[in-house]
Amino acid sequence: MGKYIVLAAILVGTTACGETWGQRAVTGGAIGAGSGAVLGGVTGLGILPGALIGGIGGAGIGAATAPKRYND
């Protein structure tokens, strides 16, 4: 169980890369889908359901954590 927590922490830390809302949503979705597929395969959930859940979660987290841009 501990190794899954460490893996989840690493994956959440790299959920999204990019500066805009769209970039972070796309990269977050891709990273989430890949990591969800791996976790789904390891835990018995299944690769496709894991990828779908991870992709949706990653895209949402990536979009929600986009940095605010202020015009100076």
PDB file of N, CA and C in Angstrom:
ATOM      1  N   MET A   1       0.817  -1.191   0.000  1.00  0.00           N
ATOM      2  CA  MET A   1       0.000   0.000   0.000  1.00  0.00           C
ATOM      3  C   MET A   1       0.863   1.258   0.000  1.00  0.00           C
ATOM      4  N   GLY A   2       1.963   1.203   0.720  1.00  0.00           N
ATOM      5  CA  GLY A   2       2.837   2.368   0.816  1.00  0.00           C
ATOM      6  C   GLY A   2       3.426   2.779  -0.521  1.00  0.00           C
ATOM      7  N   LYS A   3       3.752   1.787  -1.356  1.00  0.00           N
ATOM      8  CA  LYS A   3       4.333   2.131  -2.656  1.00  0.00           C
ATOM      9  C   LYS A   3       3.314   2.820  -3.555  1.00  0.00           C
ATOM     10  N   TYR A   4       2.027   2.514  -3.377  1.00  0.00           N
ATOM     11  CA  TYR A   4       0.993   3.189  -4.162  1.00  0.00           C
ATOM     12  C   TYR A   4       0.831   4.643  -3.735  1.00  0.00           C
ATOM     13  N   ILE A   5       0.982   4.892  -2.453  1.00  0.00           N
ATOM     14  CA  ILE A   5       0.894   6.269  -1.953  1.00  0.00           C
ATOM     15  C   ILE A   5       2.059   7.091  -2.479  1.00  0.00           C
ATOM     16  N   VAL A   6       3.241   6.527  -2.465  1.00  0.00           N
ATOM     17  CA  VAL A   6       4.413   7.236  -2.997  1.00  0.00           C
ATOM     18  C   VAL A   6       4.245   7.486  -4.490  1.00  0.00           C
ATOM     19  N   LEU A   7       3.783   6.484  -5.225  1.00  0.00           N
ATOM     20  CA  LEU A   7       3.564   6.654  -6.659  1.00  0.00           C
ATOM     21  C   LEU A   7       2.513   7.723  -6.924  1.00  0.00           C
ATOM     22  N   ALA A   8       1.440   7.709  -6.162  1.00  0.00           N
ATOM     23  CA  ALA A   8       0.396   8.718  -6.332  1.00  0.00           C
ATOM     24  C   ALA A   8       0.930  10.112  -6.037  1.00  0.00           C
ATOM     25  N   ALA A   9       1.751  10.251  -5.012  1.00  0.00           N
ATOM     26  CA  ALA A   9       2.330  11.557  -4.680  1.00  0.00           C
ATOM     27  C   ALA A   9       3.226  12.071  -5.797  1.00  0.00           C
ATOM     28  N   ILE A  10       4.015  11.189  -6.383  1.00  0.00           N
ATOM     29  CA  ILE A  10       4.881  11.589  -7.501  1.00  0.00           C
ATOM     30  C   ILE A  10       4.037  12.002  -8.693  1.00  0.00           C
ATOM     31  N   LEU A  11       3.001  11.240  -8.999  1.00  0.00           N
ATOM     32  CA  LEU A  11       2.169  11.542 -10.154  1.00  0.00           C
ATOM     33  C   LEU A  11       1.394  12.838  -9.966  1.00  0.00           C
ATOM     34  N   VAL A  12       0.906  13.082  -8.760  1.00  0.00           N
ATOM     35  CA  VAL A  12       0.187  14.336  -8.497  1.00  0.00           C
ATOM     36  C   VAL A  12       1.142  15.515  -8.620  1.00  0.00           C
ATOM     37  N   GLY A  13       2.382  15.335  -8.202  1.00  0.00           N
ATOM     38  CA  GLY A  13       3.366  16.406  -8.307  1.00  0.00           C
ATOM     39  C   GLY A  13       3.703  16.781  -9.738  1.00  0.00           C
ATOM     40  N   THR A  14       3.499  15.859 -10.655  1.00  0.00           N
ATOM     41  CA  THR A  14       3.798  16.126 -12.063  1.00  0.00           C
ATOM     42  C   THR A  14       2.527  16.120 -12.901  1.00  0.00           C
ATOM     43  N   THR A  15       1.416  16.440 -12.278  1.00  0.00           N
ATOM     44  CA  THR A  15       0.126  16.327 -12.955  1.00  0.00           C
ATOM     45  C   THR A  15       0.053  17.164 -14.216  1.00  0.00           C
ATOM     46  N   ALA A  16       0.510  18.377 -14.181  1.00  0.00           N
ATOM     47  CA  ALA A  16       0.351  19.215 -15.362  1.00  0.00           C
ATOM     48  C   ALA A  16       1.568  20.106 -15.552  1.00  0.00           C
ATOM     49  N   CYS A  17       1.986  20.207 -16.777  1.00  0.00           N
ATOM     50  CA  CYS A  17       3.062  21.113 -17.146  1.00  0.00           C
ATOM     51  C   CYS A  17       2.500  22.059 -18.202  1.00  0.00           C
ATOM     52  N   GLY A  18       2.852  23.290 -18.114  1.00  0.00           N
ATOM     53  CA  GLY A  18       2.383  24.284 -19.063  1.00  0.00           C
ATOM     54  C   GLY A  18       2.006  25.565 -18.335  1.00  0.00           C
ATOM     55  N   GLU A  19       1.813  26.604 -19.100  1.00  0.00           N
ATOM     56  CA  GLU A  19       1.521  27.898 -18.500  1.00  0.00           C
ATOM     57  C   GLU A  19       0.075  28.317 -18.659  1.00  0.00           C
ATOM     58  N   THR A  20      -0.606  27.819 -19.670  1.00  0.00           N
ATOM     59  CA  THR A  20      -1.987  28.226 -19.885  1.00  0.00           C
ATOM     60  C   THR A  20      -2.942  27.151 -19.383  1.00  0.00           C
ATOM     61  N   TRP A  21      -4.200  27.536 -19.242  1.00  0.00           N
ATOM     62  CA  TRP A  21      -5.240  26.628 -18.791  1.00  0.00           C
ATOM     63  C   TRP A  21      -5.326  25.413 -19.709  1.00  0.00           C
ATOM     64  N   GLY A  22      -5.323  25.629 -21.004  1.00  0.00           N
ATOM     65  CA  GLY A  22      -5.442  24.546 -21.976  1.00  0.00           C
ATOM     66  C   GLY A  22      -4.250  23.614 -21.973  1.00  0.00           C
ATOM     67  N   GLN A  23      -3.054  24.173 -21.901  1.00  0.00           N
ATOM     68  CA  GLN A  23      -1.846  23.353 -21.882  1.00  0.00           C
ATOM     69  C   GLN A  23      -1.833  22.449 -20.660  1.00  0.00           C
ATOM     70  N   ARG A  24      -2.187  23.012 -19.524  1.00  0.00           N
ATOM     71  CA  ARG A  24      -2.174  22.229 -18.293  1.00  0.00           C
ATOM     72  C   ARG A  24      -3.264  21.165 -18.302  1.00  0.00           C
ATOM     73  N   ALA A  25      -4.419  21.464 -18.890  1.00  0.00           N
ATOM     74  CA  ALA A  25      -5.491  20.467 -18.967  1.00  0.00           C
ATOM     75  C   ALA A  25      -5.066  19.298 -19.856  1.00  0.00           C
ATOM     76  N   VAL A  26      -4.447  19.595 -20.989  1.00  0.00           N
ATOM     77  CA  VAL A  26      -4.034  18.537 -21.926  1.00  0.00           C
ATOM     78  C   VAL A  26      -2.905  17.696 -21.335  1.00  0.00           C
ATOM     79  N   THR A  27      -1.869  18.341 -20.820  1.00  0.00           N
ATOM     80  CA  THR A  27      -0.763  17.567 -20.259  1.00  0.00           C
ATOM     81  C   THR A  27      -1.204  16.823 -19.001  1.00  0.00           C
ATOM     82  N   GLY A  28      -2.032  17.442 -18.196  1.00  0.00           N
ATOM     83  CA  GLY A  28      -2.548  16.762 -17.004  1.00  0.00           C
ATOM     84  C   GLY A  28      -3.367  15.547 -17.371  1.00  0.00           C
ATOM     85  N   GLY A  29      -4.188  15.680 -18.410  1.00  0.00           N
ATOM     86  CA  GLY A  29      -4.983  14.546 -18.872  1.00  0.00           C
ATOM     87  C   GLY A  29      -4.122  13.413 -19.397  1.00  0.00           C
ATOM     88  N   ALA A  30      -3.089  13.753 -20.131  1.00  0.00           N
ATOM     89  CA  ALA A  30      -2.200  12.723 -20.683  1.00  0.00           C
ATOM     90  C   ALA A  30      -1.425  12.006 -19.580  1.00  0.00           C
ATOM     91  N   ILE A  31      -0.881  12.766 -18.656  1.00  0.00           N
ATOM     92  CA  ILE A  31      -0.142  12.158 -17.554  1.00  0.00           C
ATOM     93  C   ILE A  31      -1.083  11.340 -16.680  1.00  0.00           C
ATOM     94  N   GLY A  32      -2.269  11.880 -16.417  1.00  0.00           N
ATOM     95  CA  GLY A  32      -3.250  11.150 -15.617  1.00  0.00           C
ATOM     96  C   GLY A  32      -3.703   9.869 -16.274  1.00  0.00           C
ATOM     97  N   ALA A  33      -3.906   9.897 -17.579  1.00  0.00           N
ATOM     98  CA  ALA A  33      -4.327   8.685 -18.289  1.00  0.00           C
ATOM     99  C   ALA A  33      -3.245   7.614 -18.243  1.00  0.00           C
ATOM    100  N   GLY A  34      -2.017   8.016 -18.449  1.00  0.00           N
ATOM    101  CA  GLY A  34      -0.924   7.051 -18.400  1.00  0.00           C
ATOM    102  C   GLY A  34      -0.744   6.451 -17.022  1.00  0.00           C
ATOM    103  N   SER A  35      -0.742   7.310 -16.017  1.00  0.00           N
ATOM    104  CA  SER A  35      -0.568   6.796 -14.661  1.00  0.00           C
ATOM    105  C   SER A  35      -1.792   6.013 -14.206  1.00  0.00           C
ATOM    106  N   GLY A  36      -2.976   6.435 -14.619  1.00  0.00           N
ATOM    107  CA  GLY A  36      -4.187   5.688 -14.276  1.00  0.00           C
ATOM    108  C   GLY A  36      -4.201   4.310 -14.904  1.00  0.00           C
ATOM    109  N   ALA A  37      -3.701   4.203 -16.131  1.00  0.00           N
ATOM    110  CA  ALA A  37      -3.619   2.897 -16.787  1.00  0.00           C
ATOM    111  C   ALA A  37      -2.672   1.966 -16.039  1.00  0.00           C
ATOM    112  N   VAL A  38      -1.554   2.502 -15.607  1.00  0.00           N
ATOM    113  CA  VAL A  38      -0.596   1.693 -14.851  1.00  0.00           C
ATOM    114  C   VAL A  38      -1.205   1.257 -13.524  1.00  0.00           C
ATOM    115  N   LEU A  39      -1.779   2.194 -12.793  1.00  0.00           N
ATOM    116  CA  LEU A  39      -2.378   1.857 -11.506  1.00  0.00           C
ATOM    117  C   LEU A  39      -3.570   0.920 -11.672  1.00  0.00           C
ATOM    118  N   GLY A  40      -4.358   1.132 -12.713  1.00  0.00           N
ATOM    119  CA  GLY A  40      -5.480   0.250 -12.973  1.00  0.00           C
ATOM    120  C   GLY A  40      -5.041  -1.170 -13.266  1.00  0.00           C
ATOM    121  N   GLY A  41      -3.962  -1.303 -14.008  1.00  0.00           N
ATOM    122  CA  GLY A  41      -3.440  -2.627 -14.311  1.00  0.00           C
ATOM    123  C   GLY A  41      -2.856  -3.328 -13.101  1.00  0.00           C
ATOM    124  N   VAL A  42      -2.238  -2.561 -12.224  1.00  0.00           N
ATOM    125  CA  VAL A  42      -1.614  -3.131 -11.039  1.00  0.00           C
ATOM    126  C   VAL A  42      -2.647  -3.496  -9.981  1.00  0.00           C
ATOM    127  N   THR A  43      -3.682  -2.685  -9.835  1.00  0.00           N
ATOM    128  CA  THR A  43      -4.647  -2.897  -8.762  1.00  0.00           C
ATOM    129  C   THR A  43      -5.802  -3.797  -9.145  1.00  0.00           C
ATOM    130  N   GLY A  44      -5.933  -4.146 -10.391  1.00  0.00           N
ATOM    131  CA  GLY A  44      -7.028  -5.011 -10.796  1.00  0.00           C
ATOM    132  C   GLY A  44      -8.263  -4.259 -11.265  1.00  0.00           C
ATOM    133  N   LEU A  45      -8.233  -2.945 -11.223  1.00  0.00           N
ATOM    134  CA  LEU A  45      -9.350  -2.139 -11.714  1.00  0.00           C
ATOM    135  C   LEU A  45      -9.512  -2.320 -13.217  1.00  0.00           C
ATOM    136  N   GLY A  46      -8.416  -2.422 -13.902  1.00  0.00           N
ATOM    137  CA  GLY A  46      -8.409  -2.568 -15.356  1.00  0.00           C
ATOM    138  C   GLY A  46      -7.695  -1.390 -15.987  1.00  0.00           C
ATOM    139  N   ILE A  47      -7.030  -1.634 -17.086  1.00  0.00           N
ATOM    140  CA  ILE A  47      -6.237  -0.593 -17.739  1.00  0.00           C
ATOM    141  C   ILE A  47      -7.117   0.521 -18.290  1.00  0.00           C
ATOM    142  N   LEU A  48      -8.175   0.173 -19.024  1.00  0.00           N
ATOM    143  CA  LEU A  48      -9.030   1.197 -19.619  1.00  0.00           C
ATOM    144  C   LEU A  48      -9.775   2.028 -18.573  1.00  0.00           C
ATOM    145  N   PRO A  49     -10.422   1.410 -17.583  1.00  0.00           N
ATOM    146  CA  PRO A  49     -11.071   2.245 -16.564  1.00  0.00           C
ATOM    147  C   PRO A  49     -10.073   3.121 -15.811  1.00  0.00           C
ATOM    148  N   GLY A  50      -8.894   2.574 -15.526  1.00  0.00           N
ATOM    149  CA  GLY A  50      -7.871   3.368 -14.848  1.00  0.00           C
ATOM    150  C   GLY A  50      -7.430   4.553 -15.686  1.00  0.00           C
ATOM    151  N   ALA A  51      -7.264   4.336 -17.000  1.00  0.00           N
ATOM    152  CA  ALA A  51      -6.862   5.420 -17.889  1.00  0.00           C
ATOM    153  C   ALA A  51      -7.944   6.484 -17.984  1.00  0.00           C
ATOM    154  N   LEU A  52      -9.201   6.064 -18.059  1.00  0.00           N
ATOM    155  CA  LEU A  52     -10.297   7.034 -18.131  1.00  0.00           C
ATOM    156  C   LEU A  52     -10.390   7.873 -16.859  1.00  0.00           C
ATOM    157  N   ILE A  53     -10.352   7.213 -15.719  1.00  0.00           N
ATOM    158  CA  ILE A  53     -10.436   7.934 -14.445  1.00  0.00           C
ATOM    159  C   ILE A  53      -9.230   8.849 -14.274  1.00  0.00           C
ATOM    160  N   GLY A  54      -8.042   8.338 -14.556  1.00  0.00           N
ATOM    161  CA  GLY A  54      -6.831   9.143 -14.432  1.00  0.00           C
ATOM    162  C   GLY A  54      -6.806  10.317 -15.392  1.00  0.00           C
ATOM    163  N   GLY A  55      -7.258  10.096 -16.620  1.00  0.00           N
ATOM    164  CA  GLY A  55      -7.277  11.178 -17.608  1.00  0.00           C
ATOM    165  C   GLY A  55      -8.234  12.288 -17.224  1.00  0.00           C
ATOM    166  N   ILE A  56      -9.413  11.918 -16.770  1.00  0.00           N
ATOM    167  CA  ILE A  56     -10.390  12.935 -16.350  1.00  0.00           C
ATOM    168  C   ILE A  56      -9.885  13.695 -15.131  1.00  0.00           C
ATOM    169  N   GLY A  57      -9.374  12.943 -14.161  1.00  0.00           N
ATOM    170  CA  GLY A  57      -8.848  13.586 -12.959  1.00  0.00           C
ATOM    171  C   GLY A  57      -7.656  14.477 -13.254  1.00  0.00           C
ATOM    172  N   GLY A  58      -6.733  13.985 -14.083  1.00  0.00           N
ATOM    173  CA  GLY A  58      -5.546  14.769 -14.422  1.00  0.00           C
ATOM    174  C   GLY A  58      -5.877  16.038 -15.182  1.00  0.00           C
ATOM    175  N   ALA A  59      -6.822  15.950 -16.112  1.00  0.00           N
ATOM    176  CA  ALA A  59      -7.224  17.142 -16.868  1.00  0.00           C
ATOM    177  C   ALA A  59      -7.881  18.164 -15.947  1.00  0.00           C
ATOM    178  N   GLY A  60      -8.724  17.688 -15.056  1.00  0.00           N
ATOM    179  CA  GLY A  60      -9.386  18.603 -14.122  1.00  0.00           C
ATOM    180  C   GLY A  60      -8.410  19.276 -13.184  1.00  0.00           C
ATOM    181  N   ILE A  61      -7.498  18.498 -12.632  1.00  0.00           N
ATOM    182  CA  ILE A  61      -6.508  19.064 -11.714  1.00  0.00           C
ATOM    183  C   ILE A  61      -5.576  20.008 -12.461  1.00  0.00           C
ATOM    184  N   GLY A  62      -5.145  19.618 -13.657  1.00  0.00           N
ATOM    185  CA  GLY A  62      -4.268  20.490 -14.445  1.00  0.00           C
ATOM    186  C   GLY A  62      -4.915  21.821 -14.767  1.00  0.00           C
ATOM    187  N   ALA A  63      -6.182  21.786 -15.168  1.00  0.00           N
ATOM    188  CA  ALA A  63      -6.882  23.028 -15.496  1.00  0.00           C
ATOM    189  C   ALA A  63      -7.127  23.871 -14.252  1.00  0.00           C
ATOM    190  N   ALA A  64      -7.421  23.217 -13.146  1.00  0.00           N
ATOM    191  CA  ALA A  64      -7.729  23.955 -11.919  1.00  0.00           C
ATOM    192  C   ALA A  64      -6.496  24.597 -11.302  1.00  0.00           C
ATOM    193  N   THR A  65      -5.330  24.083 -11.608  1.00  0.00           N
ATOM    194  CA  THR A  65      -4.115  24.619 -10.997  1.00  0.00           C
ATOM    195  C   THR A  65      -3.318  25.502 -11.941  1.00  0.00           C
ATOM    196  N   ALA A  66      -3.931  25.962 -13.006  1.00  0.00           N
ATOM    197  CA  ALA A  66      -3.231  26.866 -13.928  1.00  0.00           C
ATOM    198  C   ALA A  66      -2.895  28.161 -13.194  1.00  0.00           C
ATOM    199  N   PRO A  67      -1.678  28.656 -13.365  1.00  0.00           N
ATOM    200  CA  PRO A  67      -1.298  29.878 -12.659  1.00  0.00           C
ATOM    201  C   PRO A  67      -2.090  31.084 -13.165  1.00  0.00           C
ATOM    202  N   LYS A  68      -2.395  31.974 -12.251  1.00  0.00           N
ATOM    203  CA  LYS A  68      -3.090  33.210 -12.611  1.00  0.00           C
ATOM    204  C   LYS A  68      -2.114  34.119 -13.338  1.00  0.00           C
ATOM    205  N   ARG A  69      -2.582  34.721 -14.410  1.00  0.00           N
ATOM    206  CA  ARG A  69      -1.752  35.644 -15.194  1.00  0.00           C
ATOM    207  C   ARG A  69      -2.280  37.051 -14.962  1.00  0.00           C
ATOM    208  N   TYR A  70      -1.424  37.905 -14.469  1.00  0.00           N
ATOM    209  CA  TYR A  70      -1.802  39.286 -14.231  1.00  0.00           C
ATOM    210  C   TYR A  70      -1.098  40.191 -15.223  1.00  0.00           C
ATOM    211  N   ASN A  71      -1.823  41.107 -15.768  1.00  0.00           N
ATOM    212  CA  ASN A  71      -1.223  42.064 -16.709  1.00  0.00           C
ATOM    213  C   ASN A  71      -0.720  43.259 -15.911  1.00  0.00           C
ATOM    214  N   ASP A  72       0.561  43.533 -16.033  1.00  0.00           N
ATOM    215  CA  ASP A  72       1.142  44.671 -15.316  1.00  0.00           C
ATOM    216  C   ASP A  72       1.182  45.877 -16.190  1.00  0.00           C
TER     217      ASP A  72
END
